[in-house]
PDB file of all heavy atoms in Angstrom:
ATOM      1  N   SER A   1       4.450 -14.595  15.427  1.00  0.00           N
ATOM      2  CA  SER A   1       4.509 -13.898  14.138  1.00  0.00           C
ATOM      3  C   SER A   1       3.651 -12.638  14.170  1.00  0.00           C
ATOM      4  O   SER A   1       4.046 -11.585  13.647  1.00  0.00           O
ATOM      5  CB  SER A   1       4.049 -14.829  13.013  1.00  0.00           C
ATOM      6  OG  SER A   1       4.033 -14.155  11.773  1.00  0.00           O
ATOM      7  N   TRP A   2       2.470 -12.726  14.798  1.00  0.00           N
ATOM      8  CA  TRP A   2       1.552 -11.578  14.873  1.00  0.00           C
ATOM      9  C   TRP A   2       2.166 -10.461  15.713  1.00  0.00           C
ATOM     10  O   TRP A   2       2.185  -9.289  15.301  1.00  0.00           O
ATOM     11  CB  TRP A   2       0.227 -12.035  15.476  1.00  0.00           C
ATOM     12  CG  TRP A   2      -0.803 -10.956  15.573  1.00  0.00           C
ATOM     13  CD1 TRP A   2      -0.827  -9.908  16.451  1.00  0.00           C
ATOM     14  CD2 TRP A   2      -1.964 -10.786  14.745  1.00  0.00           C
ATOM     15  NE1 TRP A   2      -1.918  -9.116  16.234  1.00  0.00           N
ATOM     16  CE2 TRP A   2      -2.633  -9.623  15.202  1.00  0.00           C
ATOM     17  CE3 TRP A   2      -2.493 -11.513  13.686  1.00  0.00           C
ATOM     18  CZ2 TRP A   2      -3.819  -9.180  14.618  1.00  0.00           C
ATOM     19  CZ3 TRP A   2      -3.675 -11.068  13.103  1.00  0.00           C
ATOM     20  CH2 TRP A   2      -4.316  -9.920  13.562  1.00  0.00           C
ATOM     21  N   GLU A   3       2.661 -10.817  16.893  1.00  0.00           N
ATOM     22  CA  GLU A   3       3.143  -9.796  17.821  1.00  0.00           C
ATOM     23  C   GLU A   3       4.461  -9.166  17.369  1.00  0.00           C
ATOM     24  O   GLU A   3       4.674  -7.968  17.565  1.00  0.00           O
ATOM     25  CB  GLU A   3       3.309 -10.414  19.212  1.00  0.00           C
ATOM     26  CG  GLU A   3       1.983 -10.829  19.846  1.00  0.00           C
ATOM     27  CD  GLU A   3       2.179 -11.489  21.199  1.00  0.00           C
ATOM     28  OE1 GLU A   3       3.346 -11.789  21.540  1.00  0.00           O
ATOM     29  OE2 GLU A   3       1.166 -11.709  21.907  1.00  0.00           O
ATOM     30  N   ASN A   4       5.342  -9.961  16.759  1.00  0.00           N
ATOM     31  CA  ASN A   4       6.649  -9.442  16.337  1.00  0.00           C
ATOM     32  C   ASN A   4       6.655  -8.902  14.912  1.00  0.00           C
ATOM     33  O   ASN A   4       7.678  -8.360  14.460  1.00  0.00           O
ATOM     34  CB  ASN A   4       7.707 -10.543  16.468  1.00  0.00           C
ATOM     35  CG  ASN A   4       7.885 -11.001  17.896  1.00  0.00           C
ATOM     36  OD1 ASN A   4       7.864 -10.201  18.821  1.00  0.00           O
ATOM     37  ND2 ASN A   4       8.044 -12.309  18.095  1.00  0.00           N
ATOM     38  N   LYS A   5       5.541  -9.099  14.183  1.00  0.00           N
ATOM     39  CA  LYS A   5       5.434  -8.638  12.792  1.00  0.00           C
ATOM     40  C   LYS A   5       6.564  -9.205  11.930  1.00  0.00           C
ATOM     41  O   LYS A   5       7.164  -8.504  11.109  1.00  0.00           O
ATOM     42  CB  LYS A   5       5.431  -7.104  12.721  1.00  0.00           C
ATOM     43  CG  LYS A   5       4.265  -6.448  13.419  1.00  0.00           C
ATOM     44  CD  LYS A   5       4.323  -4.936  13.274  1.00  0.00           C
ATOM     45  CE  LYS A   5       3.165  -4.269  13.985  1.00  0.00           C
ATOM     46  NZ  LYS A   5       3.212  -2.793  13.861  1.00  0.00           N
ATOM     47  N   LYS A   6       6.850 -10.499  12.124  1.00  0.00           N
ATOM     48  CA  LYS A   6       7.901 -11.161  11.359  1.00  0.00           C
ATOM     49  C   LYS A   6       7.403 -12.496  10.830  1.00  0.00           C
ATOM     50  O   LYS A   6       6.654 -13.199  11.515  1.00  0.00           O
ATOM     51  CB  LYS A   6       9.135 -11.379  12.231  1.00  0.00           C
ATOM     52  CG  LYS A   6       9.875 -10.100  12.599  1.00  0.00           C
ATOM     53  CD  LYS A   6      11.139 -10.395  13.386  1.00  0.00           C
ATOM     54  CE  LYS A   6      11.900  -9.126  13.722  1.00  0.00           C
ATOM     55  NZ  LYS A   6      13.134  -9.402  14.500  1.00  0.00           N
ATOM     56  N   SER A   7       7.846 -12.845   9.630  1.00  0.00           N
ATOM     57  CA  SER A   7       7.469 -14.125   9.031  1.00  0.00           C
ATOM     58  C   SER A   7       8.289 -15.238   9.677  1.00  0.00           C
ATOM     59  O   SER A   7       9.464 -15.055   9.992  1.00  0.00           O
ATOM     60  CB  SER A   7       7.727 -14.110   7.527  1.00  0.00           C
ATOM     61  OG  SER A   7       7.007 -13.075   6.900  1.00  0.00           O
ATOM     62  N   LEU A   8       7.656 -16.379   9.865  1.00  0.00           N
ATOM     63  CA  LEU A   8       8.372 -17.531  10.394  1.00  0.00           C
ATOM     64  C   LEU A   8       7.694 -18.806   9.930  1.00  0.00           C
ATOM     65  O   LEU A   8       6.507 -18.826   9.605  1.00  0.00           O
ATOM     66  CB  LEU A   8       8.474 -17.477  11.918  1.00  0.00           C
ATOM     67  CG  LEU A   8       7.185 -17.436  12.738  1.00  0.00           C
ATOM     68  CD1 LEU A   8       6.697 -18.828  13.052  1.00  0.00           C
ATOM     69  CD2 LEU A   8       7.428 -16.683  14.038  1.00  0.00           C
ATOM     70  N   GLY A   9       8.476 -19.899   9.904  1.00  0.00           N
ATOM     71  CA  GLY A   9       7.965 -21.191   9.475  1.00  0.00           C
ATOM     72  C   GLY A   9       7.935 -22.165  10.629  1.00  0.00           C
ATOM     73  O   GLY A   9       8.690 -22.037  11.601  1.00  0.00           O
ATOM     74  N   TRP A  10       7.078 -23.150  10.508  1.00  0.00           N
ATOM     75  CA  TRP A  10       6.969 -24.166  11.553  1.00  0.00           C
ATOM     76  C   TRP A  10       6.524 -25.473  10.915  1.00  0.00           C
ATOM     77  O   TRP A  10       5.625 -25.495  10.072  1.00  0.00           O
ATOM     78  CB  TRP A  10       5.974 -23.723  12.617  1.00  0.00           C
ATOM     79  CG  TRP A  10       5.954 -24.643  13.802  1.00  0.00           C
ATOM     80  CD1 TRP A  10       6.847 -24.685  14.826  1.00  0.00           C
ATOM     81  CD2 TRP A  10       4.993 -25.658  14.058  1.00  0.00           C
ATOM     82  NE1 TRP A  10       6.500 -25.662  15.713  1.00  0.00           N
ATOM     83  CE2 TRP A  10       5.363 -26.286  15.267  1.00  0.00           C
ATOM     84  CE3 TRP A  10       3.856 -26.113  13.390  1.00  0.00           C
ATOM     85  CZ2 TRP A  10       4.645 -27.321  15.813  1.00  0.00           C
ATOM     86  CZ3 TRP A  10       3.142 -27.150  13.937  1.00  0.00           C
ATOM     87  CH2 TRP A  10       3.530 -27.746  15.136  1.00  0.00           C
ATOM     88  N   VAL A  11       7.165 -26.578  11.308  1.00  0.00           N
ATOM     89  CA  VAL A  11       6.896 -27.878  10.703  1.00  0.00           C
ATOM     90  C   VAL A  11       6.315 -28.811  11.752  1.00  0.00           C
ATOM     91  O   VAL A  11       6.794 -28.863  12.882  1.00  0.00           O
ATOM     92  CB  VAL A  11       8.183 -28.498  10.114  1.00  0.00           C
ATOM     93  CG1 VAL A  11       7.884 -29.846   9.490  1.00  0.00           C
ATOM     94  CG2 VAL A  11       8.792 -27.557   9.094  1.00  0.00           C
ATOM     95  N   LYS A  12       5.282 -29.547  11.378  1.00  0.00           N
ATOM     96  CA  LYS A  12       4.688 -30.546  12.264  1.00  0.00           C
ATOM     97  C   LYS A  12       4.159 -31.700  11.415  1.00  0.00           C
ATOM     98  O   LYS A  12       3.364 -31.477  10.493  1.00  0.00           O
ATOM     99  CB  LYS A  12       3.539 -29.943  13.083  1.00  0.00           C
ATOM    100  CG  LYS A  12       2.910 -30.933  14.071  1.00  0.00           C
ATOM    101  CD  LYS A  12       1.818 -30.243  14.878  1.00  0.00           C
ATOM    102  CE  LYS A  12       1.272 -31.169  15.964  1.00  0.00           C
ATOM    103  NZ  LYS A  12       0.646 -32.360  15.423  1.00  0.00           N
ATOM    104  N   ASP A  13       4.608 -32.912  11.730  1.00  0.00           N
ATOM    105  CA  ASP A  13       4.147 -34.111  11.019  1.00  0.00           C
ATOM    106  C   ASP A  13       4.321 -33.960   9.515  1.00  0.00           C
ATOM    107  O   ASP A  13       3.427 -34.262   8.726  1.00  0.00           O
ATOM    108  CB  ASP A  13       2.677 -34.401  11.353  1.00  0.00           C
ATOM    109  CG  ASP A  13       2.475 -34.677  12.833  1.00  0.00           C
ATOM    110  OD1 ASP A  13       3.444 -35.124  13.468  1.00  0.00           O
ATOM    111  OD2 ASP A  13       1.368 -34.438  13.329  1.00  0.00           O
ATOM    112  N   PHE A  14       5.489 -33.441   9.104  1.00  0.00           N
ATOM    113  CA  PHE A  14       5.821 -33.249   7.680  1.00  0.00           C
ATOM    114  C   PHE A  14       4.921 -32.206   7.009  1.00  0.00           C
ATOM    115  O   PHE A  14       4.926 -32.076   5.797  1.00  0.00           O
ATOM    116  CB  PHE A  14       5.749 -34.580   6.911  1.00  0.00           C
ATOM    117  CG  PHE A  14       6.618 -35.644   7.492  1.00  0.00           C
ATOM    118  CD1 PHE A  14       6.078 -36.682   8.228  1.00  0.00           C
ATOM    119  CD2 PHE A  14       7.998 -35.595   7.319  1.00  0.00           C
ATOM    120  CE1 PHE A  14       6.886 -37.672   8.772  1.00  0.00           C
ATOM    121  CE2 PHE A  14       8.812 -36.575   7.858  1.00  0.00           C
ATOM    122  CZ  PHE A  14       8.257 -37.617   8.592  1.00  0.00           C
ATOM    123  N   HIS A  15       4.143 -31.500   7.791  1.00  0.00           N
ATOM    124  CA  HIS A  15       3.352 -30.397   7.261  1.00  0.00           C
ATOM    125  C   HIS A  15       4.058 -29.097   7.633  1.00  0.00           C
ATOM    126  O   HIS A  15       4.359 -28.868   8.803  1.00  0.00           O
ATOM    127  CB  HIS A  15       1.934 -30.401   7.844  1.00  0.00           C
ATOM    128  CG  HIS A  15       1.114 -31.559   7.380  1.00  0.00           C
ATOM    129  ND1 HIS A  15      -0.054 -31.935   7.988  1.00  0.00           N
ATOM    130  CD2 HIS A  15       1.292 -32.423   6.352  1.00  0.00           C
ATOM    131  CE1 HIS A  15      -0.560 -32.986   7.370  1.00  0.00           C
ATOM    132  NE2 HIS A  15       0.244 -33.299   6.366  1.00  0.00           N
ATOM    133  N   GLU A  16       4.290 -28.278   6.644  1.00  0.00           N
ATOM    134  CA  GLU A  16       5.018 -27.033   6.906  1.00  0.00           C
ATOM    135  C   GLU A  16       4.080 -25.839   6.740  1.00  0.00           C
ATOM    136  O   GLU A  16       3.397 -25.696   5.729  1.00  0.00           O
ATOM    137  CB  GLU A  16       6.223 -26.892   5.984  1.00  0.00           C
ATOM    138  CG  GLU A  16       7.002 -25.627   6.262  1.00  0.00           C
ATOM    139  CD  GLU A  16       8.407 -25.683   5.696  1.00  0.00           C
ATOM    140  OE1 GLU A  16       8.766 -26.714   5.100  1.00  0.00           O
ATOM    141  OE2 GLU A  16       9.140 -24.706   5.855  1.00  0.00           O
ATOM    142  N   PHE A  17       4.059 -24.988   7.751  1.00  0.00           N
ATOM    143  CA  PHE A  17       3.262 -23.767   7.714  1.00  0.00           C
ATOM    144  C   PHE A  17       4.210 -22.571   7.741  1.00  0.00           C
ATOM    145  O   PHE A  17       5.197 -22.565   8.470  1.00  0.00           O
ATOM    146  CB  PHE A  17       2.323 -23.684   8.924  1.00  0.00           C
ATOM    147  CG  PHE A  17       1.310 -24.788   8.997  1.00  0.00           C
ATOM    148  CD1 PHE A  17       1.566 -25.941   9.722  1.00  0.00           C
ATOM    149  CD2 PHE A  17       0.102 -24.686   8.328  1.00  0.00           C
ATOM    150  CE1 PHE A  17       0.638 -26.962   9.796  1.00  0.00           C
ATOM    151  CE2 PHE A  17      -0.830 -25.707   8.389  1.00  0.00           C
ATOM    152  CZ  PHE A  17      -0.556 -26.838   9.121  1.00  0.00           C
ATOM    153  N   TRP A  18       3.862 -21.572   6.948  1.00  0.00           N
ATOM    154  CA  TRP A  18       4.596 -20.310   6.997  1.00  0.00           C
ATOM    155  C   TRP A  18       3.619 -19.219   7.404  1.00  0.00           C
ATOM    156  O   TRP A  18       2.559 -19.064   6.806  1.00  0.00           O
ATOM    157  CB  TRP A  18       5.239 -19.999   5.645  1.00  0.00           C
ATOM    158  CG  TRP A  18       6.548 -20.686   5.462  1.00  0.00           C
ATOM    159  CD1 TRP A  18       6.763 -21.903   4.895  1.00  0.00           C
ATOM    160  CD2 TRP A  18       7.822 -20.216   5.902  1.00  0.00           C
ATOM    161  NE1 TRP A  18       8.087 -22.230   4.941  1.00  0.00           N
ATOM    162  CE2 TRP A  18       8.776 -21.209   5.554  1.00  0.00           C
ATOM    163  CE3 TRP A  18       8.267 -19.069   6.553  1.00  0.00           C
ATOM    164  CZ2 TRP A  18      10.128 -21.072   5.829  1.00  0.00           C
ATOM    165  CZ3 TRP A  18       9.617 -18.943   6.831  1.00  0.00           C
ATOM    166  CH2 TRP A  18      10.531 -19.935   6.466  1.00  0.00           C
ATOM    167  N   PHE A  19       3.986 -18.470   8.446  1.00  0.00           N
ATOM    168  CA  PHE A  19       3.140 -17.406   8.980  1.00  0.00           C
ATOM    169  C   PHE A  19       3.697 -16.062   8.508  1.00  0.00           C
ATOM    170  O   PHE A  19       4.845 -15.725   8.819  1.00  0.00           O
ATOM    171  CB  PHE A  19       3.106 -17.463  10.506  1.00  0.00           C
ATOM    172  CG  PHE A  19       2.594 -18.773  11.052  1.00  0.00           C
ATOM    173  CD1 PHE A  19       3.463 -19.822  11.316  1.00  0.00           C
ATOM    174  CD2 PHE A  19       1.238 -18.955  11.291  1.00  0.00           C
ATOM    175  CE1 PHE A  19       3.004 -21.027  11.812  1.00  0.00           C
ATOM    176  CE2 PHE A  19       0.762 -20.163  11.790  1.00  0.00           C
ATOM    177  CZ  PHE A  19       1.643 -21.198  12.049  1.00  0.00           C
ATOM    178  N   ILE A  20       2.897 -15.326   7.764  1.00  0.00           N
ATOM    179  CA  ILE A  20       3.323 -14.038   7.209  1.00  0.00           C
ATOM    180  C   ILE A  20       2.337 -12.975   7.693  1.00  0.00           C
ATOM    181  O   ILE A  20       1.166 -12.975   7.285  1.00  0.00           O
ATOM    182  CB  ILE A  20       3.363 -14.061   5.673  1.00  0.00           C
ATOM    183  CG1 ILE A  20       4.300 -15.179   5.195  1.00  0.00           C
ATOM    184  CG2 ILE A  20       3.805 -12.714   5.117  1.00  0.00           C
ATOM    185  CD1 ILE A  20       4.315 -15.365   3.693  1.00  0.00           C
ATOM    186  N   PRO A  21       2.763 -12.061   8.574  1.00  0.00           N
ATOM    187  CA  PRO A  21       1.835 -11.024   9.063  1.00  0.00           C
ATOM    188  C   PRO A  21       1.525  -9.993   7.982  1.00  0.00           C
ATOM    189  O   PRO A  21       2.409  -9.583   7.226  1.00  0.00           O
ATOM    190  CB  PRO A  21       2.603 -10.394  10.232  1.00  0.00           C
ATOM    191  CG  PRO A  21       4.041 -10.659   9.934  1.00  0.00           C
ATOM    192  CD  PRO A  21       4.101 -11.964   9.186  1.00  0.00           C
ATOM    193  N   ILE A  22       0.272  -9.604   7.910  1.00  0.00           N
ATOM    194  CA  ILE A  22      -0.176  -8.554   6.986  1.00  0.00           C
ATOM    195  C   ILE A  22      -0.432  -7.311   7.830  1.00  0.00           C
ATOM    196  O   ILE A  22      -1.413  -7.232   8.570  1.00  0.00           O
ATOM    197  CB  ILE A  22      -1.447  -8.979   6.235  1.00  0.00           C
ATOM    198  CG1 ILE A  22      -1.171 -10.245   5.416  1.00  0.00           C
ATOM    199  CG2 ILE A  22      -1.937  -7.867   5.322  1.00  0.00           C
ATOM    200  CD1 ILE A  22      -2.399 -10.801   4.737  1.00  0.00           C
ATOM    201  N   PHE A  23       0.469  -6.360   7.730  1.00  0.00           N
ATOM    202  CA  PHE A  23       0.398  -5.208   8.624  1.00  0.00           C
ATOM    203  C   PHE A  23       0.804  -3.926   7.899  1.00  0.00           C
ATOM    204  O   PHE A  23       1.429  -3.957   6.837  1.00  0.00           O
ATOM    205  CB  PHE A  23       1.308  -5.425   9.841  1.00  0.00           C
ATOM    206  CG  PHE A  23       2.773  -5.504   9.500  1.00  0.00           C
ATOM    207  CD1 PHE A  23       3.588  -4.394   9.579  1.00  0.00           C
ATOM    208  CD2 PHE A  23       3.349  -6.709   9.091  1.00  0.00           C
ATOM    209  CE1 PHE A  23       4.937  -4.463   9.261  1.00  0.00           C
ATOM    210  CE2 PHE A  23       4.691  -6.792   8.769  1.00  0.00           C
ATOM    211  CZ  PHE A  23       5.487  -5.657   8.855  1.00  0.00           C
ATOM    212  N   SER A  24       0.427  -2.810   8.493  1.00  0.00           N
ATOM    213  CA  SER A  24       0.833  -1.498   8.026  1.00  0.00           C
ATOM    214  C   SER A  24       1.429  -0.744   9.214  1.00  0.00           C
ATOM    215  O   SER A  24       1.646  -1.317  10.279  1.00  0.00           O
ATOM    216  CB  SER A  24      -0.369  -0.744   7.441  1.00  0.00           C
ATOM    217  OG  SER A  24      -1.313  -0.476   8.463  1.00  0.00           O
ATOM    218  N   ASP A  25       1.669   0.542   9.029  1.00  0.00           N
ATOM    219  CA  ASP A  25       2.192   1.343  10.137  1.00  0.00           C
ATOM    220  C   ASP A  25       1.168   1.490  11.252  1.00  0.00           C
ATOM    221  O   ASP A  25       1.531   1.799  12.398  1.00  0.00           O
ATOM    222  CB  ASP A  25       2.600   2.733   9.634  1.00  0.00           C
ATOM    223  CG  ASP A  25       3.754   2.664   8.646  1.00  0.00           C
ATOM    224  OD1 ASP A  25       4.512   1.675   8.727  1.00  0.00           O
ATOM    225  OD2 ASP A  25       3.887   3.572   7.811  1.00  0.00           O
ATOM    226  N   ILE A  26      -0.110   1.276  10.914  1.00  0.00           N
ATOM    227  CA  ILE A  26      -1.171   1.469  11.906  1.00  0.00           C
ATOM    228  C   ILE A  26      -1.312   0.250  12.796  1.00  0.00           C
ATOM    229  O   ILE A  26      -1.262   0.350  14.024  1.00  0.00           O
ATOM    230  CB  ILE A  26      -2.503   1.785  11.206  1.00  0.00           C
ATOM    231  CG1 ILE A  26      -2.360   3.046  10.335  1.00  0.00           C
ATOM    232  CG2 ILE A  26      -3.625   1.949  12.218  1.00  0.00           C
ATOM    233  CD1 ILE A  26      -3.598   3.358   9.519  1.00  0.00           C
ATOM    234  N   ARG A  27      -1.472  -0.932  12.194  1.00  0.00           N
ATOM    235  CA  ARG A  27      -1.698  -2.132  12.991  1.00  0.00           C
ATOM    236  C   ARG A  27      -1.540  -3.370  12.109  1.00  0.00           C
ATOM    237  O   ARG A  27      -1.344  -3.259  10.897  1.00  0.00           O
ATOM    238  CB  ARG A  27      -3.105  -2.123  13.613  1.00  0.00           C
ATOM    239  CG  ARG A  27      -4.238  -2.171  12.590  1.00  0.00           C
ATOM    240  CD  ARG A  27      -5.583  -2.053  13.283  1.00  0.00           C
ATOM    241  NE  ARG A  27      -6.703  -2.099  12.364  1.00  0.00           N
ATOM    242  CZ  ARG A  27      -7.341  -3.199  12.011  1.00  0.00           C
ATOM    243  NH1 ARG A  27      -6.957  -4.363  12.507  1.00  0.00           N
ATOM    244  NH2 ARG A  27      -8.373  -3.158  11.192  1.00  0.00           N
ATOM    245  N   VAL A  28      -1.640  -4.549  12.754  1.00  0.00           N
ATOM    246  CA  VAL A  28      -1.653  -5.818  12.030  1.00  0.00           C
ATOM    247  C   VAL A  28      -3.103  -6.152  11.691  1.00  0.00           C
ATOM    248  O   VAL A  28      -3.960  -6.179  12.572  1.00  0.00           O
ATOM    249  CB  VAL A  28      -1.036  -6.954  12.879  1.00  0.00           C
ATOM    250  CG1 VAL A  28      -1.052  -8.264  12.100  1.00  0.00           C
ATOM    251  CG2 VAL A  28       0.388  -6.606  13.289  1.00  0.00           C
ATOM    252  N   TYR A  29      -3.369  -6.395  10.412  1.00  0.00           N
ATOM    253  CA  TYR A  29      -4.743  -6.654   9.980  1.00  0.00           C
ATOM    254  C   TYR A  29      -5.082  -8.146  10.006  1.00  0.00           C
ATOM    255  O   TYR A  29      -6.122  -8.549  10.513  1.00  0.00           O
ATOM    256  CB  TYR A  29      -4.954  -6.110   8.555  1.00  0.00           C
ATOM    257  CG  TYR A  29      -4.864  -4.620   8.480  1.00  0.00           C
ATOM    258  CD1 TYR A  29      -3.681  -3.998   8.086  1.00  0.00           C
ATOM    259  CD2 TYR A  29      -5.948  -3.812   8.810  1.00  0.00           C
ATOM    260  CE1 TYR A  29      -3.576  -2.626   8.016  1.00  0.00           C
ATOM    261  CE2 TYR A  29      -5.860  -2.429   8.733  1.00  0.00           C
ATOM    262  CZ  TYR A  29      -4.673  -1.843   8.338  1.00  0.00           C
ATOM    263  OH  TYR A  29      -4.576  -0.486   8.274  1.00  0.00           O
ATOM    264  N   LYS A  30      -4.197  -8.946   9.430  1.00  0.00           N
ATOM    265  CA  LYS A  30      -4.437 -10.383   9.327  1.00  0.00           C
ATOM    266  C   LYS A  30      -3.099 -11.113   9.415  1.00  0.00           C
ATOM    267  O   LYS A  30      -2.025 -10.499   9.331  1.00  0.00           O
ATOM    268  CB  LYS A  30      -5.128 -10.730   7.994  1.00  0.00           C
ATOM    269  CG  LYS A  30      -6.531 -10.159   7.827  1.00  0.00           C
ATOM    270  CD  LYS A  30      -7.539 -10.889   8.660  1.00  0.00           C
ATOM    271  CE  LYS A  30      -8.946 -10.364   8.377  1.00  0.00           C
ATOM    272  NZ  LYS A  30      -9.149  -8.981   8.821  1.00  0.00           N
ATOM    273  N   LEU A  31      -3.188 -12.422   9.557  1.00  0.00           N
ATOM    274  CA  LEU A  31      -2.006 -13.284   9.503  1.00  0.00           C
ATOM    275  C   LEU A  31      -2.221 -14.265   8.361  1.00  0.00           C
ATOM    276  O   LEU A  31      -3.162 -15.059   8.375  1.00  0.00           O
ATOM    277  CB  LEU A  31      -1.815 -14.018  10.831  1.00  0.00           C
ATOM    278  CG  LEU A  31      -0.491 -14.780  10.990  1.00  0.00           C
ATOM    279  CD1 LEU A  31       0.679 -13.794  11.013  1.00  0.00           C
ATOM    280  CD2 LEU A  31      -0.504 -15.595  12.271  1.00  0.00           C
ATOM    281  N   LEU A  32      -1.354 -14.187   7.340  1.00  0.00           N
ATOM    282  CA  LEU A  32      -1.435 -15.084   6.190  1.00  0.00           C
ATOM    283  C   LEU A  32      -0.638 -16.343   6.499  1.00  0.00           C
ATOM    284  O   LEU A  32       0.556 -16.275   6.805  1.00  0.00           O
ATOM    285  CB  LEU A  32      -0.884 -14.391   4.944  1.00  0.00           C
ATOM    286  CG  LEU A  32      -0.715 -15.258   3.683  1.00  0.00           C
ATOM    287  CD1 LEU A  32      -2.054 -15.812   3.226  1.00  0.00           C
ATOM    288  CD2 LEU A  32      -0.050 -14.455   2.570  1.00  0.00           C
TER     289      LEU A  32
END
């Protein structure tokens, strides 16, 4: 998600995580 600057979901043990990159034209700042 960080490298491709795209949101994606992933499920493990019935726990679901969604990764949303926080980025601008300059760089990626954080991963939500």
